[in-house]
């Protein structure tokens, strides 16, 4: 039996538009699990770029970490 080739899956590669991000966050909120919401917010921040998130929030990038 052969080996199956796999590669890491990164959700941020698929969060390309604001609509994608909203749908992803809404799906996480529907699960009613605060940990999942926190992970989704982190994924969205990585997809947008921490610099952009900081600019949008009016904060320094370092304060988001």
PDB file of N, CA and C in Angstrom:
ATOM      1  N   UNK A   1       0.847  -1.185   0.000  1.00  0.00           N
ATOM      2  CA  UNK A   1       0.000   0.000   0.000  1.00  0.00           C
ATOM      3  C   UNK A   1       0.891   1.248   0.000  1.00  0.00           C
ATOM      4  N   UNK A   2       0.622   2.201  -0.896  1.00  0.00           N
ATOM      5  CA  UNK A   2       1.423   3.414  -1.027  1.00  0.00           C
ATOM      6  C   UNK A   2       1.097   4.459   0.034  1.00  0.00           C
ATOM      7  N   UNK A   3       1.954   5.419   0.116  1.00  0.00           N
ATOM      8  CA  UNK A   3       1.751   6.516   1.053  1.00  0.00           C
ATOM      9  C   UNK A   3       1.012   7.652   0.356  1.00  0.00           C
ATOM     10  N   UNK A   4       0.140   8.274   1.095  1.00  0.00           N
ATOM     11  CA  UNK A   4      -0.585   9.428   0.582  1.00  0.00           C
ATOM     12  C   UNK A   4       0.206  10.684   0.891  1.00  0.00           C
ATOM     13  N   UNK A   5       0.437  11.506  -0.106  1.00  0.00           N
ATOM     14  CA  UNK A   5       1.119  12.785   0.089  1.00  0.00           C
ATOM     15  C   UNK A   5       0.127  13.785   0.682  1.00  0.00           C
ATOM     16  N   UNK A   6       0.528  14.444   1.734  1.00  0.00           N
ATOM     17  CA  UNK A   6      -0.302  15.483   2.339  1.00  0.00           C
ATOM     18  C   UNK A   6       0.522  16.753   2.473  1.00  0.00           C
ATOM     19  N   UNK A   7      -0.158  17.832   2.697  1.00  0.00           N
ATOM     20  CA  UNK A   7       0.514  19.090   2.976  1.00  0.00           C
ATOM     21  C   UNK A   7      -0.325  19.847   3.992  1.00  0.00           C
ATOM     22  N   UNK A   8       0.291  20.721   4.770  1.00  0.00           N
ATOM     23  CA  UNK A   8      -0.469  21.480   5.774  1.00  0.00           C
ATOM     24  C   UNK A   8      -1.554  22.326   5.111  1.00  0.00           C
ATOM     25  N   UNK A   9      -2.692  22.421   5.773  1.00  0.00           N
ATOM     26  CA  UNK A   9      -3.801  23.229   5.280  1.00  0.00           C
ATOM     27  C   UNK A   9      -3.870  24.492   6.123  1.00  0.00           C
ATOM     28  N   UNK A  10      -3.922  25.628   5.480  1.00  0.00           N
ATOM     29  CA  UNK A  10      -3.958  26.904   6.186  1.00  0.00           C
ATOM     30  C   UNK A  10      -5.175  27.682   5.714  1.00  0.00           C
ATOM     31  N   UNK A  11      -6.105  27.887   6.643  1.00  0.00           N
ATOM     32  CA  UNK A  11      -7.356  28.567   6.299  1.00  0.00           C
ATOM     33  C   UNK A  11      -7.115  29.974   5.763  1.00  0.00           C
ATOM     34  N   UNK A  12      -6.031  30.607   6.166  1.00  0.00           N
ATOM     35  CA  UNK A  12      -5.796  31.988   5.731  1.00  0.00           C
ATOM     36  C   UNK A  12      -5.606  32.100   4.223  1.00  0.00           C
ATOM     37  N   UNK A  13      -5.241  30.991   3.581  1.00  0.00           N
ATOM     38  CA  UNK A  13      -5.112  31.002   2.120  1.00  0.00           C
ATOM     39  C   UNK A  13      -6.463  31.142   1.429  1.00  0.00           C
ATOM     40  N   UNK A  14      -7.540  30.895   2.169  1.00  0.00           N
ATOM     41  CA  UNK A  14      -8.882  30.921   1.594  1.00  0.00           C
ATOM     42  C   UNK A  14      -9.717  32.101   2.084  1.00  0.00           C
ATOM     43  N   UNK A  15      -9.183  32.883   2.992  1.00  0.00           N
ATOM     44  CA  UNK A  15      -9.887  34.074   3.485  1.00  0.00           C
ATOM     45  C   UNK A  15      -9.410  35.273   2.679  1.00  0.00           C
ATOM     46  N   UNK A  16      -9.931  35.394   1.477  1.00  0.00           N
ATOM     47  CA  UNK A  16      -9.435  36.402   0.547  1.00  0.00           C
ATOM     48  C   UNK A  16     -10.237  37.696   0.564  1.00  0.00           C
ATOM     49  N   UNK A  17     -11.524  37.616   0.882  1.00  0.00           N
ATOM     50  CA  UNK A  17     -12.370  38.813   0.852  1.00  0.00           C
ATOM     51  C   UNK A  17     -12.996  39.047   2.220  1.00  0.00           C
ATOM     52  N   UNK A  18     -13.524  40.242   2.397  1.00  0.00           N
ATOM     53  CA  UNK A  18     -14.238  40.556   3.637  1.00  0.00           C
ATOM     54  C   UNK A  18     -15.411  39.593   3.840  1.00  0.00           C
ATOM     55  N   UNK A  19     -16.080  39.236   2.743  1.00  0.00           N
ATOM     56  CA  UNK A  19     -17.211  38.312   2.829  1.00  0.00           C
ATOM     57  C   UNK A  19     -16.763  36.938   3.323  1.00  0.00           C
ATOM     58  N   UNK A  20     -15.608  36.470   2.849  1.00  0.00           N
ATOM     59  CA  UNK A  20     -15.054  35.196   3.322  1.00  0.00           C
ATOM     60  C   UNK A  20     -14.815  35.254   4.830  1.00  0.00           C
ATOM     61  N   UNK A  21     -14.239  36.348   5.283  1.00  0.00           N
ATOM     62  CA  UNK A  21     -13.899  36.499   6.694  1.00  0.00           C
ATOM     63  C   UNK A  21     -15.146  36.562   7.555  1.00  0.00           C
ATOM     64  N   UNK A  22     -16.152  37.291   7.093  1.00  0.00           N
ATOM     65  CA  UNK A  22     -17.411  37.388   7.836  1.00  0.00           C
ATOM     66  C   UNK A  22     -18.075  36.019   7.930  1.00  0.00           C
ATOM     67  N   UNK A  23     -18.127  35.296   6.841  1.00  0.00           N
ATOM     68  CA  UNK A  23     -18.756  33.971   6.841  1.00  0.00           C
ATOM     69  C   UNK A  23     -18.006  33.025   7.782  1.00  0.00           C
ATOM     70  N   UNK A  24     -16.697  33.085   7.773  1.00  0.00           N
ATOM     71  CA  UNK A  24     -15.875  32.244   8.641  1.00  0.00           C
ATOM     72  C   UNK A  24     -16.137  32.570  10.112  1.00  0.00           C
ATOM     73  N   UNK A  25     -16.176  33.854  10.449  1.00  0.00           N
ATOM     74  CA  UNK A  25     -16.437  34.259  11.825  1.00  0.00           C
ATOM     75  C   UNK A  25     -17.858  33.886  12.241  1.00  0.00           C
ATOM     76  N   UNK A  26     -18.825  34.079  11.376  1.00  0.00           N
ATOM     77  CA  UNK A  26     -20.208  33.697  11.694  1.00  0.00           C
ATOM     78  C   UNK A  26     -20.316  32.198  11.957  1.00  0.00           C
ATOM     79  N   UNK A  27     -19.626  31.393  11.167  1.00  0.00           N
ATOM     80  CA  UNK A  27     -19.645  29.940  11.379  1.00  0.00           C
ATOM     81  C   UNK A  27     -19.041  29.591  12.737  1.00  0.00           C
ATOM     82  N   UNK A  28     -17.968  30.270  13.113  1.00  0.00           N
ATOM     83  CA  UNK A  28     -17.352  30.029  14.419  1.00  0.00           C
ATOM     84  C   UNK A  28     -18.288  30.443  15.549  1.00  0.00           C
ATOM     85  N   UNK A  29     -18.966  31.562  15.391  1.00  0.00           N
ATOM     86  CA  UNK A  29     -19.902  32.033  16.423  1.00  0.00           C
ATOM     87  C   UNK A  29     -21.076  31.072  16.598  1.00  0.00           C
ATOM     88  N   UNK A  30     -21.504  30.445  15.529  1.00  0.00           N
ATOM     89  CA  UNK A  30     -22.621  29.500  15.609  1.00  0.00           C
ATOM     90  C   UNK A  30     -22.291  28.282  16.457  1.00  0.00           C
ATOM     91  N   UNK A  31     -21.011  27.966  16.591  1.00  0.00           N
ATOM     92  CA  UNK A  31     -20.601  26.797  17.370  1.00  0.00           C
ATOM     93  C   UNK A  31     -20.681  27.038  18.871  1.00  0.00           C
ATOM     94  N   UNK A  32     -20.823  28.295  19.279  1.00  0.00           N
ATOM     95  CA  UNK A  32     -20.952  28.662  20.698  1.00  0.00           C
ATOM     96  C   UNK A  32     -19.766  28.151  21.529  1.00  0.00           C
ATOM     97  N   UNK A  33     -18.565  28.276  20.964  1.00  0.00           N
ATOM     98  CA  UNK A  33     -17.339  27.856  21.635  1.00  0.00           C
ATOM     99  C   UNK A  33     -16.357  29.023  21.601  1.00  0.00           C
ATOM    100  N   UNK A  34     -16.139  29.666  22.745  1.00  0.00           N
ATOM    101  CA  UNK A  34     -15.251  30.839  22.773  1.00  0.00           C
ATOM    102  C   UNK A  34     -13.851  30.556  22.230  1.00  0.00           C
ATOM    103  N   UNK A  35     -13.344  29.348  22.433  1.00  0.00           N
ATOM    104  CA  UNK A  35     -12.009  29.017  21.919  1.00  0.00           C
ATOM    105  C   UNK A  35     -11.991  29.033  20.408  1.00  0.00           C
ATOM    106  N   UNK A  36     -13.046  28.527  19.804  1.00  0.00           N
ATOM    107  CA  UNK A  36     -13.122  28.513  18.339  1.00  0.00           C
ATOM    108  C   UNK A  36     -13.229  29.938  17.797  1.00  0.00           C
ATOM    109  N   UNK A  37     -13.977  30.786  18.475  1.00  0.00           N
ATOM    110  CA  UNK A  37     -14.092  32.192  18.059  1.00  0.00           C
ATOM    111  C   UNK A  37     -12.725  32.876  18.151  1.00  0.00           C
ATOM    112  N   UNK A  38     -11.999  32.603  19.216  1.00  0.00           N
ATOM    113  CA  UNK A  38     -10.667  33.195  19.377  1.00  0.00           C
ATOM    114  C   UNK A  38      -9.729  32.740  18.254  1.00  0.00           C
ATOM    115  N   UNK A  39      -9.789  31.470  17.907  1.00  0.00           N
ATOM    116  CA  UNK A  39      -8.955  30.948  16.815  1.00  0.00           C
ATOM    117  C   UNK A  39      -9.356  31.600  15.495  1.00  0.00           C
ATOM    118  N   UNK A  40     -10.660  31.730  15.254  1.00  0.00           N
ATOM    119  CA  UNK A  40     -11.139  32.347  14.013  1.00  0.00           C
ATOM    120  C   UNK A  40     -10.676  33.798  13.916  1.00  0.00           C
ATOM    121  N   UNK A  41     -10.749  34.526  15.011  1.00  0.00           N
ATOM    122  CA  UNK A  41     -10.283  35.919  14.997  1.00  0.00           C
ATOM    123  C   UNK A  41      -8.781  35.984  14.701  1.00  0.00           C
ATOM    124  N   UNK A  42      -8.023  35.071  15.272  1.00  0.00           N
ATOM    125  CA  UNK A  42      -6.588  35.016  14.988  1.00  0.00           C
ATOM    126  C   UNK A  42      -6.318  34.696  13.527  1.00  0.00           C
ATOM    127  N   UNK A  43      -7.084  33.748  12.984  1.00  0.00           N
ATOM    128  CA  UNK A  43      -6.923  33.395  11.568  1.00  0.00           C
ATOM    129  C   UNK A  43      -7.238  34.589  10.672  1.00  0.00           C
ATOM    130  N   UNK A  44      -8.294  35.303  10.992  1.00  0.00           N
ATOM    131  CA  UNK A  44      -8.680  36.476  10.196  1.00  0.00           C
ATOM    132  C   UNK A  44      -7.603  37.553  10.292  1.00  0.00           C
ATOM    133  N   UNK A  45      -7.076  37.752  11.488  1.00  0.00           N
ATOM    134  CA  UNK A  45      -6.002  38.742  11.654  1.00  0.00           C
ATOM    135  C   UNK A  45      -4.780  38.352  10.823  1.00  0.00           C
ATOM    136  N   UNK A  46      -4.424  37.068  10.804  1.00  0.00           N
ATOM    137  CA  UNK A  46      -3.284  36.622   9.992  1.00  0.00           C
ATOM    138  C   UNK A  46      -3.572  36.797   8.510  1.00  0.00           C
ATOM    139  N   UNK A  47      -4.817  36.527   8.105  1.00  0.00           N
ATOM    140  CA  UNK A  47      -5.175  36.661   6.687  1.00  0.00           C
ATOM    141  C   UNK A  47      -5.108  38.122   6.237  1.00  0.00           C
ATOM    142  N   UNK A  48      -5.554  39.027   7.097  1.00  0.00           N
ATOM    143  CA  UNK A  48      -5.518  40.452   6.746  1.00  0.00           C
ATOM    144  C   UNK A  48      -4.119  41.024   6.895  1.00  0.00           C
ATOM    145  N   UNK A  49      -3.368  40.458   7.802  1.00  0.00           N
ATOM    146  CA  UNK A  49      -2.055  40.993   8.139  1.00  0.00           C
ATOM    147  C   UNK A  49      -2.191  41.814   9.411  1.00  0.00           C
ATOM    148  N   UNK A  50      -1.347  41.540  10.368  1.00  0.00           N
ATOM    149  CA  UNK A  50      -1.439  42.216  11.659  1.00  0.00           C
ATOM    150  C   UNK A  50      -1.264  43.723  11.524  1.00  0.00           C
ATOM    151  N   UNK A  51      -0.448  44.148  10.586  1.00  0.00           N
ATOM    152  CA  UNK A  51      -0.249  45.580  10.390  1.00  0.00           C
ATOM    153  C   UNK A  51      -1.562  46.251   9.997  1.00  0.00           C
ATOM    154  N   UNK A  52      -2.300  45.635   9.086  1.00  0.00           N
ATOM    155  CA  UNK A  52      -3.567  46.204   8.641  1.00  0.00           C
ATOM    156  C   UNK A  52      -4.604  46.184   9.760  1.00  0.00           C
ATOM    157  N   UNK A  53      -4.649  45.100  10.527  1.00  0.00           N
ATOM    158  CA  UNK A  53      -5.580  45.011  11.649  1.00  0.00           C
ATOM    159  C   UNK A  53      -5.286  46.124  12.656  1.00  0.00           C
ATOM    160  N   UNK A  54      -4.005  46.332  12.940  1.00  0.00           N
ATOM    161  CA  UNK A  54      -3.616  47.393  13.874  1.00  0.00           C
ATOM    162  C   UNK A  54      -4.026  48.761  13.351  1.00  0.00           C
ATOM    163  N   UNK A  55      -3.799  49.009  12.071  1.00  0.00           N
ATOM    164  CA  UNK A  55      -4.201  50.290  11.484  1.00  0.00           C
ATOM    165  C   UNK A  55      -5.713  50.486  11.569  1.00  0.00           C
ATOM    166  N   UNK A  56      -6.475  49.431  11.247  1.00  0.00           N
ATOM    167  CA  UNK A  56      -7.933  49.511  11.303  1.00  0.00           C
ATOM    168  C   UNK A  56      -8.435  49.767  12.720  1.00  0.00           C
ATOM    169  N   UNK A  57      -7.718  49.207  13.712  1.00  0.00           N
ATOM    170  CA  UNK A  57      -8.128  49.352  15.110  1.00  0.00           C
ATOM    171  C   UNK A  57      -7.576  50.618  15.751  1.00  0.00           C
ATOM    172  N   UNK A  58      -6.659  51.285  15.060  1.00  0.00           N
ATOM    173  CA  UNK A  58      -6.049  52.491  15.613  1.00  0.00           C
ATOM    174  C   UNK A  58      -5.063  52.170  16.732  1.00  0.00           C
ATOM    175  N   UNK A  59      -4.443  50.996  16.659  1.00  0.00           N
ATOM    176  CA  UNK A  59      -3.494  50.565  17.678  1.00  0.00           C
ATOM    177  C   UNK A  59      -2.139  50.294  17.044  1.00  0.00           C
ATOM    178  N   UNK A  60      -1.146  50.189  17.896  1.00  0.00           N
ATOM    179  CA  UNK A  60       0.155  49.743  17.422  1.00  0.00           C
ATOM    180  C   UNK A  60       0.126  48.233  17.220  1.00  0.00           C
ATOM    181  N   UNK A  61       0.834  47.743  16.249  1.00  0.00           N
ATOM    182  CA  UNK A  61       0.835  46.312  15.961  1.00  0.00           C
ATOM    183  C   UNK A  61       1.243  45.486  17.176  1.00  0.00           C
ATOM    184  N   UNK A  62       2.224  45.957  17.925  1.00  0.00           N
ATOM    185  CA  UNK A  62       2.720  45.228  19.082  1.00  0.00           C
ATOM    186  C   UNK A  62       1.649  45.041  20.143  1.00  0.00           C
ATOM    187  N   UNK A  63       0.730  45.993  20.259  1.00  0.00           N
ATOM    188  CA  UNK A  63      -0.308  45.879  21.296  1.00  0.00           C
ATOM    189  C   UNK A  63      -1.335  44.807  20.960  1.00  0.00           C
ATOM    190  N   UNK A  64      -1.402  44.360  19.707  1.00  0.00           N
ATOM    191  CA  UNK A  64      -2.329  43.295  19.344  1.00  0.00           C
ATOM    192  C   UNK A  64      -1.843  41.924  19.769  1.00  0.00           C
ATOM    193  N   UNK A  65      -0.541  41.769  19.871  1.00  0.00           N
ATOM    194  CA  UNK A  65       0.011  40.482  20.265  1.00  0.00           C
ATOM    195  C   UNK A  65      -0.190  40.256  21.735  1.00  0.00           C
TER     196      UNK A  65
END
